[in-house]
Amino acid sequence: MPKSQIYLLFSNSGGGHRSATEAIQAALDELLIETKLTNNFQIKTDALVENSHPLNRTFVGIYNLLLRHRQASVKHYYRLIHYLKPNDSPFGYWITAPYIKKIIGEARPSVVVAIHPMINQYIPKVIKSCGLEGQTKFITVVTDPNERIWKGWASPDGDLTIVPNELVKNKLLSWGVPEEKVRVVGMPVHPDFIKQPRADRGEYLRKLGLDPDILTVCINSGWAGGGNMMAIYKALSAVHRKMQVVFLSGHNDKLRERAAATASEVGIPTAVLPFIDQMSELMNAVDLMVTKAGGLTTFEAISRRLPIAIDMITPPMPQEAGNVDLLLNAGLAKPITKPSDIVPLVEAAKPDPDRLSRPLPKVFDLDRTGAAYEIAKIILEYGSAKYSKVFSTARGLSGNAADERIPRAVGLQ
């Protein structure tokens, strides 16, 4: 029997889209293993945006360059993209469609899932041009949890758009996406973030040369290694309590070198690390995370009940500004508008060994930390309707139902 093919399409513009793709793929893998249907489905991934054409690759490169070095300029990039519409123009389709046709026309997948806003308008057109309308389903998974999203997320011609909450749903409806094609499910956070950690805090920190009995702050520079993290790190020298730091430099070797050189100056025990894959383990081992307001990173921290301090020294990017409002209003984060703001937050921070058992707020579906499983079920059911009853009872290897209401995190006091 031929396998039902599922394509997950994303971009490496920042790290969130890849993280969401990996989360969905992990949930798909778990459900297929549980239902003993691994031989019936084939899952493939593709960084379609940058692979589709050199010009699209340039757009991605510029975005990542701004993230790393000129974050304040992303708002201009945001406006430029909305003006040029490389995601929805005759020229954009002309340069992008050949690559999409190669994937879809040759593979004839059952389901195509877009996890990025720059490709959603072209995929339904390609599906139709390949004569696969009604055979290949197209699903969009939105990874921005607020109403200030990229307009490219709106795909009225797709079969379904999965969104994190009602805020995003209402925005898409205002852009002409039919209500019956939008489903609120939650953010696709990797299943590892709702499972028990493989290593306890003590074991993890000792491997980094740190003391598990001391307050530990993670300074997260993101996938690109940008933001104001060096200034915030230096400000920690004014903290009057024992503490230590895990500094994540992302894919920025120069930042890693600077952080390592600065560690001896600030006099704080520090482990400097590049981009790492096992963020669920690290988030379990630290007491506070400093980060920019990226949707996936902050929602991963929420799933781990990890208090968050948001870097707002540079005004957040337009698509992330709404995340700030969401998290601050829910009591799950505190703002840093100048480097010294970190000092009182660290002074007041209280390690909470029982935080994983704390409930989460239900507002805007912040508590749907198992959403990746529900998203995976929807994709599999679209891929082969005859298995819908089988997938409806599957829970994933973690044993957490996708819609289970998990307890609330303790925010910073």
Protein backbone atom coordinates (compact mmCIF):
# COMPACT_ATOMS: atom_id res chain seq x y z
CA MET A 1 0.00 0.00 0.00
CA PRO A 2 1.48 3.42 -0.94
CA LYS A 3 2.38 5.71 1.91
CA SER A 4 0.47 8.90 2.58
CA GLN A 5 3.03 11.70 2.29
CA ILE A 6 2.99 14.75 4.55
CA TYR A 7 5.19 17.74 3.75
CA LEU A 8 6.10 20.24 6.48
CA LEU A 9 7.36 23.47 4.89
CA PHE A 10 9.16 26.18 6.87
CA SER A 11 11.99 28.72 6.78
CA ASN A 12 15.09 29.40 8.85
CA SER A 13 14.13 33.05 9.29
CA GLY A 14 14.85 33.14 13.00
CA GLY A 15 14.49 29.87 14.87
CA GLY A 16 10.77 29.77 15.66
CA HIS A 17 9.49 28.28 12.41
CA ARG A 18 12.01 25.44 12.52
CA SER A 19 11.19 24.83 16.21
CA ALA A 20 7.48 24.64 15.41
CA THR A 21 8.18 22.26 12.52
CA GLU A 22 10.25 20.00 14.77
CA ALA A 23 7.49 20.09 17.40
CA ILE A 24 4.85 19.00 14.90
CA GLN A 25 7.11 16.33 13.43
CA ALA A 26 7.87 14.93 16.89
CA ALA A 27 4.15 14.78 17.73
CA LEU A 28 3.40 13.10 14.39
CA ASP A 29 6.13 10.53 15.03
CA GLU A 30 4.80 9.76 18.51
CA LEU A 31 1.21 9.35 17.35
CA LEU A 32 2.24 7.10 14.46
CA ILE A 33 4.32 4.90 16.77
CA GLU A 34 1.46 4.70 19.29
CA THR A 35 -1.10 3.76 16.63
CA LYS A 36 1.32 1.40 14.86
CA LEU A 37 0.86 3.28 11.58
CA THR A 38 4.45 4.36 10.92
CA ASN A 39 4.52 2.31 7.71
CA ASN A 40 1.43 4.09 6.36
CA PHE A 41 2.78 7.65 6.44
CA GLN A 42 5.94 9.37 5.26
CA ILE A 43 6.82 12.76 6.73
CA LYS A 44 9.19 15.12 4.91
CA THR A 45 10.40 18.63 5.76
CA ASP A 46 11.75 21.39 3.54
CA ALA A 47 13.03 24.92 4.18
CA LEU A 48 10.97 25.94 1.18
CA VAL A 49 11.24 29.71 1.43
CA GLU A 50 15.02 29.92 1.01
CA ASN A 51 15.21 26.81 -1.18
CA SER A 52 12.65 28.11 -3.67
CA HIS A 53 14.73 30.95 -5.19
CA PRO A 54 17.90 33.00 -4.50
CA LEU A 55 15.83 36.17 -4.05
CA ASN A 56 13.71 34.55 -1.34
CA ARG A 57 16.92 33.29 0.25
CA THR A 58 18.14 36.90 0.27
CA PHE A 59 15.01 38.06 2.10
CA VAL A 60 15.62 35.38 4.74
CA GLY A 61 19.29 36.36 5.03
CA ILE A 62 18.45 40.05 5.48
CA TYR A 63 15.93 39.20 8.19
CA ASN A 64 18.46 37.10 10.11
CA LEU A 65 21.12 39.80 9.71
CA LEU A 66 18.75 42.37 11.21
CA LEU A 67 17.87 40.02 14.06
CA ARG A 68 21.53 39.65 14.92
CA HIS A 69 22.80 43.20 14.43
CA ARG A 70 19.97 45.70 13.82
CA GLN A 71 16.88 44.48 15.63
CA ALA A 72 15.40 47.99 15.76
CA SER A 73 15.31 47.99 11.94
CA VAL A 74 13.10 44.91 11.67
CA LYS A 75 10.03 47.16 11.78
CA HIS A 76 11.19 48.71 8.49
CA TYR A 77 11.70 45.24 7.01
CA TYR A 78 8.19 44.34 8.22
CA ARG A 79 6.72 47.35 6.40
CA LEU A 80 8.80 46.63 3.28
CA ILE A 81 7.56 43.04 3.08
CA HIS A 82 3.95 44.16 3.46
CA TYR A 83 4.53 46.71 0.69
CA LEU A 84 6.41 44.48 -1.78
CA LYS A 85 4.32 41.37 -1.00
CA PRO A 86 6.93 38.81 -2.08
CA ASN A 87 4.50 36.25 -0.65
CA ASP A 88 1.57 37.33 -2.86
CA SER A 89 2.52 38.87 -6.20
CA PRO A 90 2.72 37.69 -9.83
CA PHE A 91 6.51 38.07 -9.78
CA GLY A 92 6.81 36.23 -6.46
CA TYR A 93 4.72 33.37 -7.82
CA TRP A 94 6.76 33.28 -11.03
CA ILE A 95 10.06 32.78 -9.17
CA THR A 96 8.71 30.53 -6.39
CA ALA A 97 6.21 28.26 -8.15
CA PRO A 98 8.72 26.09 -10.07
CA TYR A 99 10.26 24.79 -6.85
CA ILE A 100 6.87 24.22 -5.20
CA LYS A 101 5.65 22.42 -8.33
CA LYS A 102 8.70 20.19 -8.23
CA ILE A 103 7.86 19.12 -4.67
CA ILE A 104 4.11 18.83 -4.98
CA GLY A 105 3.86 17.71 -8.59
CA GLU A 106 6.39 14.89 -8.21
CA ALA A 107 5.51 13.70 -4.69
CA ARG A 108 1.73 14.29 -4.90
CA PRO A 109 1.52 14.49 -1.08
CA SER A 110 -1.71 13.97 0.82
CA VAL A 111 -1.09 17.02 3.00
CA VAL A 112 1.12 20.09 2.69
CA VAL A 113 1.62 22.06 5.91
CA ALA A 114 3.04 25.59 5.81
CA ILE A 115 4.68 26.86 8.99
CA HIS A 116 5.77 30.21 7.58
CA PRO A 117 3.85 33.23 6.22
CA MET A 118 5.81 33.77 2.98
CA ILE A 119 4.48 30.77 1.03
CA ASN A 120 0.81 30.42 1.88
CA GLN A 121 -0.70 32.21 -1.13
CA TYR A 122 1.30 30.27 -3.70
CA ILE A 123 0.77 26.70 -2.50
CA PRO A 124 -3.00 26.49 -3.23
CA LYS A 125 -2.32 27.87 -6.74
CA VAL A 126 0.34 25.23 -7.35
CA ILE A 127 -1.90 22.46 -6.03
CA LYS A 128 -4.58 23.56 -8.50
CA SER A 129 -2.14 23.91 -11.40
CA CYS A 130 -0.87 20.36 -10.75
CA GLY A 131 -4.41 18.99 -10.95
CA LEU A 132 -4.32 17.95 -7.29
CA GLU A 133 -7.20 20.07 -6.01
CA GLY A 134 -9.22 17.90 -3.63
CA GLN A 135 -6.40 15.35 -3.41
CA THR A 136 -3.63 17.36 -1.75
CA LYS A 137 -4.85 19.25 1.32
CA PHE A 138 -3.18 22.48 2.41
CA ILE A 139 -2.93 23.44 6.08
CA THR A 140 -1.29 26.54 7.56
CA VAL A 141 -0.05 26.51 11.16
CA VAL A 142 0.35 30.05 12.54
CA THR A 143 3.17 30.52 15.04
CA ASP A 144 2.52 34.15 16.05
CA PRO A 145 0.12 34.20 19.04
CA ASN A 146 -1.21 37.76 18.70
CA GLU A 147 -3.18 39.98 16.34
CA ARG A 148 -0.09 41.85 15.02
CA ILE A 149 0.80 39.02 12.69
CA TRP A 150 2.30 39.02 9.20
CA LYS A 151 -0.48 39.34 6.63
CA GLY A 152 1.07 36.44 4.73
CA TRP A 153 -0.45 34.06 7.29
CA ALA A 154 -3.88 34.67 5.73
CA SER A 155 -4.62 31.96 3.16
CA PRO A 156 -8.31 32.06 2.18
CA ASP A 157 -7.77 29.40 -0.51
CA GLY A 158 -6.21 26.85 1.86
CA ASP A 159 -8.16 23.99 3.41
CA LEU A 160 -7.47 24.91 7.04
CA THR A 161 -5.53 27.41 9.14
CA ILE A 162 -4.60 26.36 12.68
CA VAL A 163 -4.12 29.28 15.07
CA PRO A 164 -2.93 29.73 18.68
CA ASN A 165 -5.94 31.67 20.00
CA GLU A 166 -9.01 33.81 19.26
CA LEU A 167 -6.87 36.92 18.77
CA VAL A 168 -5.25 35.42 15.69
CA LYS A 169 -8.50 33.88 14.48
CA ASN A 170 -10.27 37.24 14.53
CA LYS A 171 -7.43 38.92 12.63
CA LEU A 172 -7.54 36.25 9.91
CA LEU A 173 -11.32 36.59 9.63
CA SER A 174 -10.86 40.34 9.11
CA TRP A 175 -8.50 39.51 6.22
CA GLY A 176 -11.06 37.34 4.49
CA VAL A 177 -10.25 33.82 5.67
CA PRO A 178 -13.59 31.94 6.01
CA GLU A 179 -14.43 31.10 9.63
CA GLU A 180 -15.00 27.42 8.82
CA LYS A 181 -11.38 27.25 7.67
CA VAL A 182 -9.88 28.52 10.95
CA ARG A 183 -9.43 26.36 14.03
CA VAL A 184 -8.08 27.48 17.42
CA VAL A 185 -5.73 24.81 18.80
CA GLY A 186 -2.77 26.50 20.55
CA MET A 187 0.95 26.97 19.92
CA PRO A 188 2.97 24.02 18.53
CA VAL A 189 5.41 23.59 21.41
CA HIS A 190 7.66 20.52 21.25
CA PRO A 191 6.33 17.58 23.29
CA ASP A 192 9.58 17.50 25.28
CA PHE A 193 8.41 20.63 27.11
CA ILE A 194 5.47 18.83 28.72
CA LYS A 195 7.41 15.71 29.65
CA GLN A 196 9.51 15.04 32.69
CA PRO A 197 13.12 16.11 32.03
CA ARG A 198 15.67 13.42 31.27
CA ALA A 199 18.16 14.92 33.73
CA ASP A 200 17.36 16.66 36.99
CA ARG A 201 18.50 20.19 37.71
CA GLY A 202 21.54 19.11 39.72
CA GLU A 203 22.87 16.73 37.09
CA TYR A 204 22.37 19.25 34.27
CA LEU A 205 24.03 22.20 36.03
CA ARG A 206 26.93 20.15 37.34
CA LYS A 207 27.75 19.11 33.77
CA LEU A 208 28.04 22.81 32.95
CA GLY A 209 30.35 23.38 35.91
CA LEU A 210 27.66 25.24 37.87
CA ASP A 211 26.23 24.84 41.37
CA PRO A 212 22.67 23.42 41.48
CA ASP A 213 22.02 25.11 44.84
CA ILE A 214 22.47 28.66 43.48
CA LEU A 215 19.92 30.83 41.67
CA THR A 216 20.49 30.34 37.94
CA VAL A 217 19.60 32.86 35.23
CA CYS A 218 19.50 31.97 31.54
CA ILE A 219 20.31 34.81 29.14
CA ASN A 220 18.92 33.65 25.82
CA SER A 221 20.16 35.52 22.74
CA GLY A 222 17.88 33.53 20.45
CA TRP A 223 18.59 31.53 17.32
CA ALA A 224 20.39 34.44 15.61
CA GLY A 225 22.28 35.62 18.70
CA GLY A 226 21.07 39.22 18.85
CA GLY A 227 19.31 41.70 21.10
CA ASN A 228 20.71 43.55 24.12
CA MET A 229 21.88 40.52 26.04
CA MET A 230 25.47 41.65 26.63
CA ALA A 231 24.29 44.88 28.29
CA ILE A 232 21.84 42.95 30.46
CA TYR A 233 24.52 40.42 31.35
CA LYS A 234 26.93 43.15 32.45
CA ALA A 235 24.20 44.75 34.56
CA LEU A 236 24.02 41.56 36.63
CA SER A 237 27.27 42.58 38.33
CA ALA A 238 25.13 44.92 40.49
CA VAL A 239 23.12 42.01 41.94
CA HIS A 240 23.79 41.49 45.66
CA ARG A 241 23.11 37.78 45.98
CA LYS A 242 24.79 34.58 44.94
CA MET A 243 23.82 33.68 41.41
CA GLN A 244 25.12 32.14 38.22
CA VAL A 245 24.36 32.41 34.52
CA VAL A 246 23.85 30.23 31.47
CA PHE A 247 24.50 32.51 28.47
CA LEU A 248 23.16 31.27 25.12
CA SER A 249 24.81 32.99 22.16
CA GLY A 250 22.79 31.29 19.41
CA HIS A 251 24.38 31.09 15.95
CA ASN A 252 26.66 34.04 16.66
CA ASP A 253 30.27 33.03 17.26
CA LYS A 254 31.42 36.60 17.90
CA LEU A 255 28.81 37.03 20.63
CA ARG A 256 29.92 33.76 22.20
CA GLU A 257 33.52 35.00 22.30
CA ARG A 258 32.46 38.34 23.80
CA ALA A 259 30.36 36.66 26.47
CA ALA A 260 33.18 34.31 27.42
CA ALA A 261 35.61 37.24 27.67
CA THR A 262 33.13 39.28 29.72
CA ALA A 263 32.44 36.47 32.19
CA SER A 264 35.71 37.07 34.04
CA GLU A 265 35.01 40.83 34.18
CA VAL A 266 31.55 40.58 35.77
CA GLY A 267 32.70 38.00 38.30
CA ILE A 268 29.64 35.77 37.93
CA PRO A 269 30.00 32.01 37.41
CA THR A 270 28.89 31.61 33.79
CA ALA A 271 28.50 28.81 31.29
CA VAL A 272 28.56 30.22 27.75
CA LEU A 273 26.90 27.99 25.17
CA PRO A 274 26.09 28.27 21.45
CA PHE A 275 22.68 27.35 20.06
CA ILE A 276 21.48 24.12 21.69
CA ASP A 277 18.74 21.67 20.73
CA GLN A 278 17.69 20.51 24.19
CA MET A 279 16.07 23.71 25.44
CA SER A 280 13.50 21.73 27.42
CA GLU A 281 16.28 20.33 29.61
CA LEU A 282 17.94 23.71 30.08
CA MET A 283 14.65 25.48 30.93
CA ASN A 284 13.98 22.89 33.60
CA ALA A 285 17.38 23.58 35.21
CA VAL A 286 17.24 27.41 35.45
CA ASP A 287 15.14 29.78 37.58
CA LEU A 288 14.65 32.76 35.27
CA MET A 289 15.06 33.33 31.54
CA VAL A 290 15.90 36.63 29.86
CA THR A 291 14.81 36.61 26.21
CA LYS A 292 13.24 38.61 23.44
CA ALA A 293 9.52 38.13 22.91
CA GLY A 294 9.62 35.36 20.29
CA GLY A 295 6.43 33.32 20.23
CA LEU A 296 7.92 29.83 20.31
CA THR A 297 10.63 30.54 22.89
CA THR A 298 8.27 32.25 25.32
CA PHE A 299 5.62 29.54 24.94
CA GLU A 300 8.26 26.87 25.53
CA ALA A 301 9.15 28.68 28.75
CA ILE A 302 5.47 28.83 29.70
CA SER A 303 5.21 25.07 29.21
CA ARG A 304 8.15 24.64 31.59
CA ARG A 305 6.59 27.15 34.03
CA LEU A 306 9.76 29.22 33.77
CA PRO A 307 9.52 32.91 34.80
CA ILE A 308 10.42 35.22 31.91
CA ALA A 309 12.08 38.63 31.69
CA ILE A 310 11.59 40.18 28.24
CA ASP A 311 14.24 42.31 26.56
CA MET A 312 12.38 45.50 25.56
CA ILE A 313 15.39 47.83 25.51
CA THR A 314 14.98 47.81 21.75
CA PRO A 315 11.24 48.01 21.00
CA PRO A 316 10.02 44.52 20.06
CA MET A 317 9.51 43.64 16.41
CA PRO A 318 5.93 44.33 15.24
CA GLN A 319 4.92 40.67 15.16
CA GLU A 320 6.34 40.19 18.68
CA ALA A 321 4.99 43.34 20.34
CA GLY A 322 1.64 41.65 20.83
CA ASN A 323 3.36 38.74 22.58
CA VAL A 324 4.66 41.18 25.18
CA ASP A 325 1.17 42.45 25.96
CA LEU A 326 -0.14 38.89 26.15
CA LEU A 327 2.55 37.68 28.57
CA LEU A 328 2.64 40.76 30.78
CA ASN A 329 -1.14 40.82 31.16
CA ALA A 330 -1.15 37.12 32.06
CA GLY A 331 1.47 37.68 34.76
CA LEU A 332 3.94 35.32 33.09
CA ALA A 333 6.68 37.85 32.31
CA LYS A 334 8.27 41.12 33.40
CA PRO A 335 9.72 43.80 31.07
CA ILE A 336 13.32 44.98 30.84
CA THR A 337 13.34 48.48 29.34
CA LYS A 338 16.90 49.30 30.45
CA PRO A 339 19.74 46.95 31.45
CA SER A 340 19.51 47.77 35.16
CA ASP A 341 15.89 46.53 35.25
CA ILE A 342 17.25 43.00 35.50
CA VAL A 343 18.78 43.68 38.93
CA PRO A 344 15.59 43.89 41.05
CA LEU A 345 14.06 40.97 39.14
CA VAL A 346 17.00 38.74 40.02
CA GLU A 347 17.13 40.06 43.59
CA ALA A 348 13.46 39.08 44.05
CA ALA A 349 13.53 35.78 42.13
CA LYS A 350 12.65 32.70 44.15
CA PRO A 351 13.54 29.24 42.88
CA ASP A 352 10.43 27.05 42.84
CA PRO A 353 11.18 23.32 42.81
CA ASP A 354 7.45 22.55 42.45
CA ARG A 355 6.76 24.90 39.55
CA LEU A 356 5.98 22.13 37.04
CA SER A 357 2.84 21.36 39.03
CA ARG A 358 1.59 24.96 38.94
CA PRO A 359 -1.51 25.69 36.82
CA LEU A 360 -1.42 27.96 33.79
CA PRO A 361 -3.95 30.67 32.91
CA LYS A 362 -6.68 29.63 30.49
CA VAL A 363 -6.88 33.09 28.90
CA PHE A 364 -6.03 33.01 25.17
CA ASP A 365 -5.37 29.26 25.43
CA LEU A 366 -2.07 29.75 27.24
CA ASP A 367 -2.69 26.45 29.01
CA ARG A 368 -2.87 24.31 25.85
CA THR A 369 0.73 23.21 26.10
CA GLY A 370 0.01 19.90 24.38
CA ALA A 371 -1.28 21.58 21.22
CA ALA A 372 1.36 19.91 19.03
CA TYR A 373 -0.45 16.59 19.49
CA GLU A 374 -3.79 18.05 18.48
CA ILE A 375 -2.20 19.69 15.43
CA ALA A 376 -0.58 16.37 14.51
CA LYS A 377 -3.92 14.56 14.79
CA ILE A 378 -5.58 17.07 12.46
CA ILE A 379 -2.78 16.67 9.90
CA LEU A 380 -2.97 12.88 10.02
CA GLU A 381 -6.75 12.89 9.67
CA TYR A 382 -6.45 15.15 6.62
CA GLY A 383 -3.78 12.80 5.31
CA SER A 384 -6.03 9.75 5.55
CA ALA A 385 -9.59 10.13 6.80
CA LYS A 386 -10.02 6.38 7.24
CA TYR A 387 -7.76 6.51 10.32
CA SER A 388 -9.54 9.45 11.98
CA LYS A 389 -11.14 7.25 14.65
CA VAL A 390 -7.75 5.71 15.48
CA PHE A 391 -6.07 9.09 15.86
CA SER A 392 -8.94 10.60 17.86
CA THR A 393 -8.09 8.40 20.86
CA ALA A 394 -4.30 8.63 20.59
CA ARG A 395 -2.58 10.66 23.30
CA GLY A 396 1.08 10.70 22.33
CA LEU A 397 3.88 8.85 24.09
CA SER A 398 3.90 11.42 26.90
CA GLY A 399 0.39 10.41 27.93
CA ASN A 400 -0.80 14.03 27.90
CA ALA A 401 -4.04 14.65 26.05
CA ALA A 402 -3.63 17.48 23.57
CA ASP A 403 -6.43 19.52 25.12
CA GLU A 404 -5.58 18.76 28.73
CA ARG A 405 -5.66 21.81 31.02
CA ILE A 406 -2.28 21.85 32.72
CA PRO A 407 -1.71 23.94 35.89
CA ARG A 408 -0.67 27.62 35.95
CA ALA A 409 2.92 28.91 36.19
CA VAL A 410 4.16 31.17 38.93
CA GLY A 411 5.18 34.48 37.40
CA LEU A 412 7.78 36.86 38.80
CA GLN A 413 6.64 38.53 41.98
